[in-house]
Amino acid sequence: MTKKETLLHLSGLIKERRNEVTEDMARGGADLSGYQHACGQVRGFDSVQMMISDMLIVHKKEEEDFESSPTDTVISINKKGDK
């Protein structure tokens, strides 16, 4: 699995778990401490999702930088000048 695929897979698992926790909260079966714990979990899931999103943005930027770098133009200019 590539880094991007791994991040997307983790994001999907977190989304599923977050949905399970929020559905349990909606049923209202927990006492106050259970509700507070669930809120903490949801907040943690949201924080991790933001981190994964940031990593995916960085990964996309790295791919774009890898596809074309400043040295590519230098090499192409040198090749034109050699001919």
N, C-alpha and C. Protein backbone atom coordinates (compact mmCIF):
# COMPACT_ATOMS: atom_id res chain seq x y z
N MET A 1 0.83 -1.18 0.00
CA MET A 1 0.00 0.00 0.00
C MET A 1 0.89 1.25 0.00
N THR A 2 0.53 2.21 -0.80
CA THR A 2 1.28 3.45 -0.81
C THR A 2 0.87 4.31 0.38
N LYS A 3 1.66 5.34 0.60
CA LYS A 3 1.38 6.24 1.72
C LYS A 3 -0.03 6.85 1.59
N LYS A 4 -0.38 7.26 0.38
CA LYS A 4 -1.68 7.88 0.15
C LYS A 4 -2.81 6.88 0.41
N GLU A 5 -2.66 5.65 -0.10
CA GLU A 5 -3.68 4.63 0.11
C GLU A 5 -3.84 4.31 1.60
N THR A 6 -2.73 4.26 2.32
CA THR A 6 -2.77 3.99 3.75
C THR A 6 -3.52 5.09 4.49
N LEU A 7 -3.22 6.34 4.16
CA LEU A 7 -3.90 7.46 4.80
C LEU A 7 -5.40 7.45 4.50
N LEU A 8 -5.76 7.15 3.27
CA LEU A 8 -7.18 7.10 2.91
C LEU A 8 -7.89 5.95 3.63
N HIS A 9 -7.19 4.82 3.77
CA HIS A 9 -7.76 3.68 4.49
C HIS A 9 -7.98 4.03 5.96
N LEU A 10 -6.98 4.64 6.58
CA LEU A 10 -7.11 5.06 7.98
C LEU A 10 -8.25 6.06 8.15
N SER A 11 -8.35 6.98 7.22
CA SER A 11 -9.42 7.97 7.28
C SER A 11 -10.79 7.30 7.23
N GLY A 12 -10.93 6.30 6.39
CA GLY A 12 -12.20 5.57 6.30
C GLY A 12 -12.52 4.84 7.59
N LEU A 13 -11.50 4.21 8.19
CA LEU A 13 -11.72 3.50 9.45
C LEU A 13 -12.12 4.46 10.57
N ILE A 14 -11.48 5.61 10.61
CA ILE A 14 -11.81 6.61 11.62
C ILE A 14 -13.23 7.12 11.43
N LYS A 15 -13.61 7.35 10.17
CA LYS A 15 -14.96 7.82 9.89
C LYS A 15 -16.00 6.81 10.36
N GLU A 16 -15.74 5.52 10.09
CA GLU A 16 -16.66 4.47 10.54
C GLU A 16 -16.79 4.45 12.05
N ARG A 17 -15.65 4.51 12.74
CA ARG A 17 -15.66 4.48 14.20
C ARG A 17 -16.35 5.71 14.78
N ARG A 18 -16.12 6.87 14.17
CA ARG A 18 -16.77 8.11 14.63
C ARG A 18 -18.28 7.98 14.50
N ASN A 19 -18.72 7.42 13.36
CA ASN A 19 -20.16 7.23 13.15
C ASN A 19 -20.76 6.29 14.20
N GLU A 20 -20.02 5.23 14.55
CA GLU A 20 -20.50 4.30 15.58
C GLU A 20 -20.67 5.03 16.92
N VAL A 21 -19.68 5.83 17.29
CA VAL A 21 -19.73 6.55 18.57
C VAL A 21 -20.88 7.55 18.57
N THR A 22 -21.05 8.29 17.48
CA THR A 22 -22.13 9.29 17.46
C THR A 22 -23.51 8.62 17.46
N GLU A 23 -23.63 7.46 16.81
CA GLU A 23 -24.90 6.73 16.85
C GLU A 23 -25.20 6.26 18.27
N ASP A 24 -24.17 5.78 18.96
CA ASP A 24 -24.36 5.37 20.36
C ASP A 24 -24.78 6.55 21.22
N MET A 25 -24.18 7.71 20.97
CA MET A 25 -24.56 8.91 21.73
C MET A 25 -26.01 9.29 21.45
N ALA A 26 -26.43 9.14 20.21
CA ALA A 26 -27.78 9.52 19.82
C ALA A 26 -28.83 8.63 20.49
N ARG A 27 -28.46 7.38 20.75
CA ARG A 27 -29.38 6.47 21.42
C ARG A 27 -29.59 6.86 22.88
N GLY A 28 -28.62 7.59 23.44
CA GLY A 28 -28.77 8.11 24.80
C GLY A 28 -28.67 7.10 25.91
N GLY A 29 -27.97 6.02 25.70
CA GLY A 29 -27.86 4.98 26.71
C GLY A 29 -26.81 5.24 27.78
N ALA A 30 -25.96 6.22 27.57
CA ALA A 30 -24.85 6.45 28.49
C ALA A 30 -25.20 7.50 29.53
N ASP A 31 -24.52 7.41 30.67
CA ASP A 31 -24.65 8.45 31.69
C ASP A 31 -23.75 9.61 31.31
N LEU A 32 -23.63 10.58 32.20
CA LEU A 32 -22.85 11.78 31.90
C LEU A 32 -21.39 11.46 31.60
N SER A 33 -20.78 10.60 32.39
CA SER A 33 -19.36 10.29 32.14
C SER A 33 -19.18 9.56 30.81
N GLY A 34 -20.14 8.70 30.45
CA GLY A 34 -20.08 8.02 29.16
C GLY A 34 -20.23 9.00 28.01
N TYR A 35 -21.12 9.96 28.19
CA TYR A 35 -21.32 10.99 27.18
C TYR A 35 -20.05 11.84 27.01
N GLN A 36 -19.44 12.21 28.15
CA GLN A 36 -18.20 13.00 28.09
C GLN A 36 -17.09 12.21 27.41
N HIS A 37 -17.00 10.93 27.70
CA HIS A 37 -15.99 10.08 27.06
C HIS A 37 -16.22 10.03 25.55
N ALA A 38 -17.47 9.85 25.14
CA ALA A 38 -17.80 9.79 23.72
C ALA A 38 -17.48 11.11 23.02
N CYS A 39 -17.77 12.22 23.70
CA CYS A 39 -17.44 13.53 23.12
C CYS A 39 -15.93 13.67 22.92
N GLY A 40 -15.17 13.18 23.88
CA GLY A 40 -13.71 13.21 23.76
C GLY A 40 -13.23 12.36 22.61
N GLN A 41 -13.86 11.21 22.41
CA GLN A 41 -13.49 10.35 21.29
C GLN A 41 -13.77 11.04 19.96
N VAL A 42 -14.95 11.64 19.85
CA VAL A 42 -15.33 12.32 18.60
C VAL A 42 -14.34 13.46 18.33
N ARG A 43 -14.01 14.19 19.35
CA ARG A 43 -13.04 15.29 19.18
C ARG A 43 -11.69 14.75 18.73
N GLY A 44 -11.26 13.64 19.30
CA GLY A 44 -10.02 13.01 18.88
C GLY A 44 -10.07 12.54 17.44
N PHE A 45 -11.20 11.91 17.06
CA PHE A 45 -11.35 11.46 15.68
C PHE A 45 -11.26 12.63 14.71
N ASP A 46 -11.90 13.75 15.07
CA ASP A 46 -11.86 14.93 14.21
C ASP A 46 -10.44 15.49 14.09
N SER A 47 -9.70 15.47 15.19
CA SER A 47 -8.31 15.96 15.17
C SER A 47 -7.45 15.09 14.26
N VAL A 48 -7.62 13.78 14.38
CA VAL A 48 -6.84 12.86 13.55
C VAL A 48 -7.22 13.02 12.08
N GLN A 49 -8.50 13.21 11.80
CA GLN A 49 -8.94 13.42 10.41
C GLN A 49 -8.28 14.67 9.83
N MET A 50 -8.18 15.73 10.64
CA MET A 50 -7.52 16.95 10.17
C MET A 50 -6.05 16.69 9.88
N MET A 51 -5.39 15.92 10.74
CA MET A 51 -3.98 15.59 10.52
C MET A 51 -3.80 14.78 9.24
N ILE A 52 -4.68 13.81 9.02
CA ILE A 52 -4.61 13.00 7.81
C ILE A 52 -4.84 13.87 6.58
N SER A 53 -5.79 14.79 6.66
CA SER A 53 -6.05 15.70 5.56
C SER A 53 -4.82 16.54 5.24
N ASP A 54 -4.17 17.04 6.28
CA ASP A 54 -2.94 17.82 6.09
C ASP A 54 -1.85 16.98 5.44
N MET A 55 -1.71 15.72 5.88
CA MET A 55 -0.70 14.84 5.29
C MET A 55 -1.00 14.54 3.83
N LEU A 56 -2.28 14.40 3.49
CA LEU A 56 -2.64 14.15 2.09
C LEU A 56 -2.33 15.37 1.22
N ILE A 57 -2.54 16.56 1.76
CA ILE A 57 -2.20 17.78 1.02
C ILE A 57 -0.70 17.84 0.79
N VAL A 58 0.09 17.54 1.82
CA VAL A 58 1.55 17.53 1.69
C VAL A 58 1.98 16.47 0.67
N HIS A 59 1.36 15.29 0.75
CA HIS A 59 1.68 14.21 -0.19
C HIS A 59 1.39 14.64 -1.63
N LYS A 60 0.25 15.30 -1.84
CA LYS A 60 -0.09 15.78 -3.18
C LYS A 60 0.93 16.80 -3.67
N LYS A 61 1.34 17.70 -2.77
CA LYS A 61 2.33 18.72 -3.12
C LYS A 61 3.65 18.06 -3.48
N GLU A 62 4.05 17.04 -2.70
CA GLU A 62 5.30 16.33 -3.00
C GLU A 62 5.23 15.66 -4.36
N GLU A 63 4.06 15.08 -4.70
CA GLU A 63 3.91 14.45 -6.01
C GLU A 63 4.04 15.47 -7.13
N GLU A 64 3.43 16.65 -6.93
CA GLU A 64 3.52 17.70 -7.94
C GLU A 64 4.95 18.18 -8.08
N ASP A 65 5.65 18.34 -6.96
CA ASP A 65 7.04 18.77 -7.01
C ASP A 65 7.92 17.72 -7.67
N PHE A 66 7.60 16.44 -7.45
CA PHE A 66 8.39 15.36 -8.03
C PHE A 66 8.20 15.29 -9.53
N GLU A 67 6.99 15.58 -10.00
CA GLU A 67 6.71 15.50 -11.42
C GLU A 67 7.47 16.56 -12.21
N SER A 68 7.66 17.71 -11.62
CA SER A 68 8.38 18.79 -12.28
C SER A 68 9.17 19.55 -11.24
N SER A 69 10.46 19.60 -11.43
CA SER A 69 11.30 20.32 -10.50
C SER A 69 12.09 21.38 -11.26
N PRO A 70 12.67 22.36 -10.54
CA PRO A 70 13.44 23.40 -11.22
C PRO A 70 14.60 22.83 -12.04
N THR A 71 15.14 21.69 -11.63
CA THR A 71 16.26 21.12 -12.38
C THR A 71 15.82 20.61 -13.75
N ASP A 72 14.53 20.28 -13.91
CA ASP A 72 14.04 19.83 -15.22
C ASP A 72 14.23 20.90 -16.28
N THR A 73 13.96 22.14 -15.93
CA THR A 73 14.12 23.20 -16.91
C THR A 73 15.59 23.46 -17.20
N VAL A 74 16.45 23.33 -16.22
CA VAL A 74 17.89 23.51 -16.43
C VAL A 74 18.41 22.43 -17.36
N ILE A 75 17.99 21.20 -17.16
CA ILE A 75 18.44 20.10 -18.00
C ILE A 75 17.94 20.30 -19.43
N SER A 76 16.69 20.71 -19.59
CA SER A 76 16.16 20.89 -20.94
C SER A 76 16.86 22.04 -21.65
N ILE A 77 17.22 23.09 -20.93
CA ILE A 77 17.95 24.22 -21.53
C ILE A 77 19.34 23.78 -21.96
N ASN A 78 20.01 23.01 -21.11
CA ASN A 78 21.34 22.51 -21.45
C ASN A 78 21.29 21.59 -22.66
N LYS A 79 20.30 20.77 -22.79
CA LYS A 79 20.18 19.87 -23.93
C LYS A 79 19.96 20.67 -25.20
N LYS A 80 19.17 21.74 -25.15
CA LYS A 80 18.93 22.58 -26.33
C LYS A 80 20.21 23.30 -26.72
N GLY A 81 20.98 23.73 -25.72
CA GLY A 81 22.22 24.45 -26.00
C GLY A 81 23.31 23.57 -26.55
N ASP A 82 23.29 22.27 -26.23
CA ASP A 82 24.30 21.33 -26.71
C ASP A 82 24.13 21.01 -28.18
N LYS A 83 22.93 21.15 -28.68
CA LYS A 83 22.66 20.77 -30.09
C LYS A 83 23.04 21.84 -31.05
